[in-house]
Amino acid sequence: MSEVFAIGRVCYKTHGRDAGNKVVVVEKASNGFVMIEGPHTKKSRANVTHLLPTSQKITLPSVYTPKDLNEALRTN
């Protein structure tokens, strides 16, 4: 999988119930899938074809809370 969907990449969901929401790639899953989480999106697996990557990338600690994630998104 390319570095476009590296951990910490900020993306927008383009399909599904969370379409239009800002999310962050938090870990890589199986081929073609990543784990995402966002302020209005619970942690879930997403197909990379359903994500629109942005140029933003945030740094997440290995152990983070939803509050840490929201704060990192606000500062970028």
Protein backbone atom coordinates (compact mmCIF):
# COMPACT_ATOMS: atom_id res chain seq x y z
CA MET A 1 0.00 0.00 0.00
CA SER A 2 1.34 3.40 -0.88
CA GLU A 3 2.41 6.05 1.61
CA VAL A 4 -0.67 8.06 0.63
CA PHE A 5 -2.54 6.22 3.38
CA ALA A 6 0.24 6.21 5.97
CA ILE A 7 -0.60 6.34 9.67
CA GLY A 8 -1.62 9.86 10.63
CA ARG A 9 -2.93 10.85 7.18
CA VAL A 10 -6.07 12.99 7.37
CA CYS A 11 -8.77 11.88 4.89
CA TYR A 12 -12.43 12.41 4.09
CA LYS A 13 -14.86 9.49 3.85
CA THR A 14 -16.57 9.43 0.46
CA HIS A 15 -18.95 6.47 0.88
CA GLY A 16 -21.17 5.01 3.58
CA ARG A 17 -22.90 6.49 6.58
CA ASP A 18 -19.83 8.55 7.48
CA ALA A 19 -19.49 10.14 4.03
CA GLY A 20 -18.15 13.68 4.25
CA ASN A 21 -16.61 13.23 7.70
CA LYS A 22 -12.96 13.97 8.41
CA VAL A 23 -11.04 10.89 9.62
CA VAL A 24 -7.46 9.91 10.40
CA VAL A 25 -5.70 6.67 9.41
CA VAL A 26 -4.70 5.13 12.74
CA GLU A 27 -3.29 1.79 11.54
CA LYS A 28 -2.93 -0.34 8.46
CA ALA A 29 -5.16 -3.40 8.16
CA SER A 30 -5.19 -6.09 5.48
CA ASN A 31 -4.43 -5.36 1.83
CA GLY A 32 -6.51 -2.41 0.60
CA PHE A 33 -7.94 -1.58 4.02
CA VAL A 34 -6.95 0.78 6.86
CA MET A 35 -8.29 1.46 10.33
CA ILE A 36 -9.73 4.96 10.66
CA GLU A 37 -11.09 7.10 13.46
CA GLY A 38 -12.41 10.63 13.66
CA PRO A 39 -14.38 13.09 15.77
CA HIS A 40 -17.72 11.86 14.41
CA THR A 41 -16.59 8.40 13.30
CA LYS A 42 -15.92 5.43 15.55
CA LYS A 43 -12.81 3.34 14.96
CA SER A 44 -13.48 1.05 12.02
CA ARG A 45 -11.95 -0.61 9.00
CA ALA A 46 -12.29 1.25 5.70
CA ASN A 47 -11.52 0.46 2.10
CA VAL A 48 -8.94 2.91 0.74
CA THR A 49 -11.09 3.45 -2.36
CA HIS A 50 -13.70 5.03 -0.05
CA LEU A 51 -11.25 7.63 1.30
CA LEU A 52 -10.08 10.95 -0.14
CA PRO A 53 -6.62 11.74 1.27
CA THR A 54 -5.62 15.32 2.07
CA SER A 55 -2.16 16.83 2.27
CA GLN A 56 -2.46 17.01 6.08
CA LYS A 57 -0.68 14.49 8.27
CA ILE A 58 -0.75 14.46 12.07
CA THR A 59 1.49 12.73 14.57
CA LEU A 60 -0.29 10.31 16.88
CA PRO A 61 1.26 8.62 19.91
CA SER A 62 1.11 4.82 19.99
CA VAL A 63 -1.53 5.05 22.73
CA TYR A 64 -4.02 7.86 22.21
CA THR A 65 -7.48 8.84 23.37
CA PRO A 66 -10.30 10.33 21.27
CA LYS A 67 -9.55 13.63 23.01
CA ASP A 68 -5.93 13.49 21.74
CA LEU A 69 -7.20 12.79 18.22
CA ASN A 70 -9.65 15.69 18.28
CA GLU A 71 -6.98 18.06 19.61
CA ALA A 72 -4.53 17.02 16.87
CA LEU A 73 -7.16 17.60 14.19
CA ARG A 74 -8.03 21.04 15.58
CA THR A 75 -4.42 22.22 15.58
CA ASN A 76 -3.92 21.28 11.89
